[in-house]
Amino acid sequence: CPAHQHIWKFSDDSTIVGCVSENYLEYRSIIMDFVNWCESNQLRLDT
């Protein structure tokens, strides 16, 4: 697995893609940063 993640941005949608093998903490940190950014910019997340 590569040790990096990708954020794909579309006109009205975003997707975070990452490969998680043994240590998911880095991936989780990126997800939490994105969630916080969305909240700060008053954007709604769908799961």
C-alpha atoms as a PDB file:
ATOM      1  CA  CYS A   1       0.000   0.000   0.000  1.00  0.00           C
ATOM      2  CA  PRO A   2       1.225   3.511  -0.679  1.00  0.00           C
ATOM      3  CA  ALA A   3       1.580   5.601   2.463  1.00  0.00           C
ATOM      4  CA  HIS A   4      -0.502   8.479   1.130  1.00  0.00           C
ATOM      5  CA  GLN A   5      -4.122   9.354   0.550  1.00  0.00           C
ATOM      6  CA  HIS A   6      -5.923  11.173  -2.222  1.00  0.00           C
ATOM      7  CA  ILE A   7      -8.786  13.650  -2.057  1.00  0.00           C
ATOM      8  CA  TRP A   8     -10.806  13.743  -5.251  1.00  0.00           C
ATOM      9  CA  LYS A   9     -12.957  16.848  -5.632  1.00  0.00           C
ATOM     10  CA  PHE A  10     -15.875  16.978  -8.026  1.00  0.00           C
ATOM     11  CA  SER A  11     -18.250  19.878  -8.646  1.00  0.00           C
ATOM     12  CA  ASP A  12     -20.560  18.906  -5.798  1.00  0.00           C
ATOM     13  CA  ASP A  13     -18.830  15.949  -4.177  1.00  0.00           C
ATOM     14  CA  SER A  14     -15.538  14.947  -2.523  1.00  0.00           C
ATOM     15  CA  THR A  15     -14.040  11.519  -1.986  1.00  0.00           C
ATOM     16  CA  ILE A  16     -11.085  10.526   0.173  1.00  0.00           C
ATOM     17  CA  VAL A  17      -9.324   7.353  -0.930  1.00  0.00           C
ATOM     18  CA  GLY A  18      -6.559   5.707   1.044  1.00  0.00           C
ATOM     19  CA  CYS A  19      -4.983   2.339   1.601  1.00  0.00           C
ATOM     20  CA  VAL A  20      -5.096   1.215   5.220  1.00  0.00           C
ATOM     21  CA  SER A  21      -2.955  -1.758   6.160  1.00  0.00           C
ATOM     22  CA  GLU A  22      -1.733  -1.972   9.750  1.00  0.00           C
ATOM     23  CA  ASN A  23      -1.776   1.549  11.193  1.00  0.00           C
ATOM     24  CA  TYR A  24      -4.967   3.431  10.458  1.00  0.00           C
ATOM     25  CA  LEU A  25      -4.127   6.468  12.638  1.00  0.00           C
ATOM     26  CA  GLU A  26      -2.653   8.541   9.785  1.00  0.00           C
ATOM     27  CA  TYR A  27      -5.705   7.849   7.608  1.00  0.00           C
ATOM     28  CA  ARG A  28      -8.054   8.651  10.492  1.00  0.00           C
ATOM     29  CA  SER A  29      -6.211  11.938  11.064  1.00  0.00           C
ATOM     30  CA  ILE A  30      -6.764  12.949   7.433  1.00  0.00           C
ATOM     31  CA  ILE A  31     -10.468  12.104   7.696  1.00  0.00           C
ATOM     32  CA  MET A  32     -10.815  14.160  10.896  1.00  0.00           C
ATOM     33  CA  ASP A  33      -8.995  17.115   9.303  1.00  0.00           C
ATOM     34  CA  PHE A  34     -11.414  16.964   6.374  1.00  0.00           C
ATOM     35  CA  VAL A  35     -14.447  16.749   8.680  1.00  0.00           C
ATOM     36  CA  ASN A  36     -13.205  19.752  10.668  1.00  0.00           C
ATOM     37  CA  TRP A  37     -12.570  21.709   7.465  1.00  0.00           C
ATOM     38  CA  CYS A  38     -16.110  20.964   6.272  1.00  0.00           C
ATOM     39  CA  GLU A  39     -17.584  22.083   9.586  1.00  0.00           C
ATOM     40  CA  SER A  40     -15.524  25.293   9.533  1.00  0.00           C
ATOM     41  CA  ASN A  41     -16.781  26.045   6.032  1.00  0.00           C
ATOM     42  CA  GLN A  42     -20.394  25.103   6.808  1.00  0.00           C
ATOM     43  CA  LEU A  43     -20.426  22.144   4.423  1.00  0.00           C
ATOM     44  CA  ARG A  44     -22.593  19.097   5.044  1.00  0.00           C
ATOM     45  CA  LEU A  45     -21.105  15.611   4.907  1.00  0.00           C
ATOM     46  CA  ASP A  46     -23.057  12.552   3.820  1.00  0.00           C
ATOM     47  CA  THR A  47     -21.786   9.125   4.773  1.00  0.00           C
END
